[in-house]
């Protein structure tokens, strides 16, 4: 028998999937909000790293799932997040044009 240690946040159904495969998952439930947010932040960084490595859209979906969990854990709704996103988009635009700001020169009276 072998043991692989993880100590990382996983999706809610992962323990069931592991058990169905005939293995024994050992888990704990995070009850401390600060600890939960820390694990979510770590998970987001992990998913971002995986996306940077392989560019797979599945990693973007994982990142979005973690972002949604962060939003809810902070006491906001997904709708509030989307409203904020749309507000910022209306005020400042999106990223579709691929604009890179190289520098800003002063507009003084020289």
Protein backbone atom coordinates (compact mmCIF):
# COMPACT_ATOMS: atom_id res chain seq x y z
CA UNK A 1 0.00 0.00 0.00
CA UNK A 2 1.26 3.48 -0.82
CA UNK A 3 0.43 7.00 0.31
CA UNK A 4 0.66 10.19 -1.73
CA UNK A 5 0.46 13.40 0.30
CA UNK A 6 -1.15 16.47 -1.25
CA UNK A 7 -2.45 19.05 1.26
CA UNK A 8 -4.25 20.99 -1.46
CA UNK A 9 -7.77 22.17 -2.13
CA UNK A 10 -9.68 19.90 -4.51
CA UNK A 11 -13.06 20.03 -6.21
CA UNK A 12 -15.96 18.77 -4.09
CA UNK A 13 -16.43 15.46 -5.92
CA UNK A 14 -12.76 14.42 -6.01
CA UNK A 15 -12.91 12.38 -2.76
CA UNK A 16 -15.88 10.42 -4.18
CA UNK A 17 -14.03 9.81 -7.44
CA UNK A 18 -10.98 8.57 -5.52
CA UNK A 19 -13.15 6.26 -3.39
CA UNK A 20 -14.90 4.89 -6.50
CA UNK A 21 -11.44 4.00 -7.83
CA UNK A 22 -10.94 1.77 -4.77
CA UNK A 23 -8.61 4.13 -2.92
CA UNK A 24 -9.08 5.87 0.42
CA UNK A 25 -9.06 9.68 0.41
CA UNK A 26 -8.16 11.31 3.71
CA UNK A 27 -9.64 14.80 3.87
CA UNK A 28 -10.59 17.61 6.17
CA UNK A 29 -13.09 20.45 5.76
CA UNK A 30 -11.77 23.99 6.02
CA UNK A 31 -13.90 25.85 8.55
CA UNK A 32 -11.68 28.88 9.09
CA UNK A 33 -12.46 31.54 6.46
CA UNK A 34 -8.93 32.94 6.37
CA UNK A 35 -7.46 29.47 5.88
CA UNK A 36 -10.05 28.73 3.16
CA UNK A 37 -9.14 31.95 1.33
CA UNK A 38 -5.45 31.06 1.58
CA UNK A 39 -6.09 27.63 0.05
CA UNK A 40 -8.20 29.22 -2.70
CA UNK A 41 -5.43 31.71 -3.49
CA UNK A 42 -2.90 28.89 -3.63
CA UNK A 43 -5.22 26.90 -5.91
CA UNK A 44 -5.65 29.89 -8.21
CA UNK A 45 -1.87 30.25 -8.50
CA UNK A 46 -1.59 26.49 -9.20
CA UNK A 47 -4.20 26.63 -11.96
CA UNK A 48 -2.55 29.73 -13.46
CA UNK A 49 0.81 27.96 -13.51
CA UNK A 50 -0.75 24.96 -15.24
CA UNK A 51 -2.37 27.27 -17.80
CA UNK A 52 0.95 29.04 -18.45
CA UNK A 53 2.61 25.66 -18.99
CA UNK A 54 0.11 24.12 -21.41
CA UNK A 55 -2.27 26.90 -22.55
CA UNK A 56 -5.23 24.53 -22.20
CA UNK A 57 -8.68 26.14 -21.98
CA UNK A 58 -9.54 23.56 -19.31
CA UNK A 59 -7.14 25.35 -16.97
CA UNK A 60 -9.00 28.61 -17.65
CA UNK A 61 -12.22 26.86 -16.62
CA UNK A 62 -10.51 25.67 -13.43
CA UNK A 63 -9.30 29.22 -12.73
CA UNK A 64 -12.82 30.54 -13.22
CA UNK A 65 -14.20 27.95 -10.80
CA UNK A 66 -11.66 29.04 -8.18
CA UNK A 67 -12.42 32.72 -8.84
CA UNK A 68 -16.14 32.04 -8.34
CA UNK A 69 -15.36 30.28 -5.04
CA UNK A 70 -13.24 33.26 -3.96
CA UNK A 71 -16.04 35.68 -4.81
CA UNK A 72 -18.57 33.67 -2.79
CA UNK A 73 -16.16 33.21 0.13
CA UNK A 74 -15.69 36.98 0.27
CA UNK A 75 -19.47 37.41 0.57
CA UNK A 76 -20.24 38.58 -2.96
CA UNK A 77 -22.33 36.97 -5.68
CA UNK A 78 -21.28 35.88 -9.14
CA UNK A 79 -23.78 38.45 -10.46
CA UNK A 80 -21.99 41.21 -8.54
CA UNK A 81 -18.69 40.09 -10.02
CA UNK A 82 -20.14 40.16 -13.53
CA UNK A 83 -21.68 43.61 -12.94
CA UNK A 84 -18.29 44.91 -11.81
CA UNK A 85 -16.58 43.31 -14.81
CA UNK A 86 -19.05 44.92 -17.21
CA UNK A 87 -18.76 48.30 -15.48
CA UNK A 88 -14.97 48.27 -15.77
CA UNK A 89 -15.24 47.12 -19.38
CA UNK A 90 -17.58 50.01 -20.21
CA UNK A 91 -15.28 52.53 -18.50
CA UNK A 92 -11.88 51.18 -19.58
CA UNK A 93 -12.51 48.60 -22.30
CA UNK A 94 -11.48 44.97 -22.54
CA UNK A 95 -8.27 43.37 -23.76
CA UNK A 96 -9.30 42.18 -27.24
CA UNK A 97 -7.22 44.74 -29.17
CA UNK A 98 -3.95 43.58 -27.63
CA UNK A 99 -2.75 47.09 -26.80
CA UNK A 100 0.59 47.27 -24.97
CA UNK A 101 1.33 50.60 -23.26
CA UNK A 102 5.03 51.29 -23.71
CA UNK A 103 5.27 54.67 -22.02
CA UNK A 104 3.46 57.92 -21.36
CA UNK A 105 5.14 61.17 -22.18
CA UNK A 106 4.31 64.39 -20.38
CA UNK A 107 1.99 66.85 -22.03
CA UNK A 108 3.51 69.93 -20.41
CA UNK A 109 3.97 73.29 -22.06
CA UNK A 110 7.48 72.61 -23.33
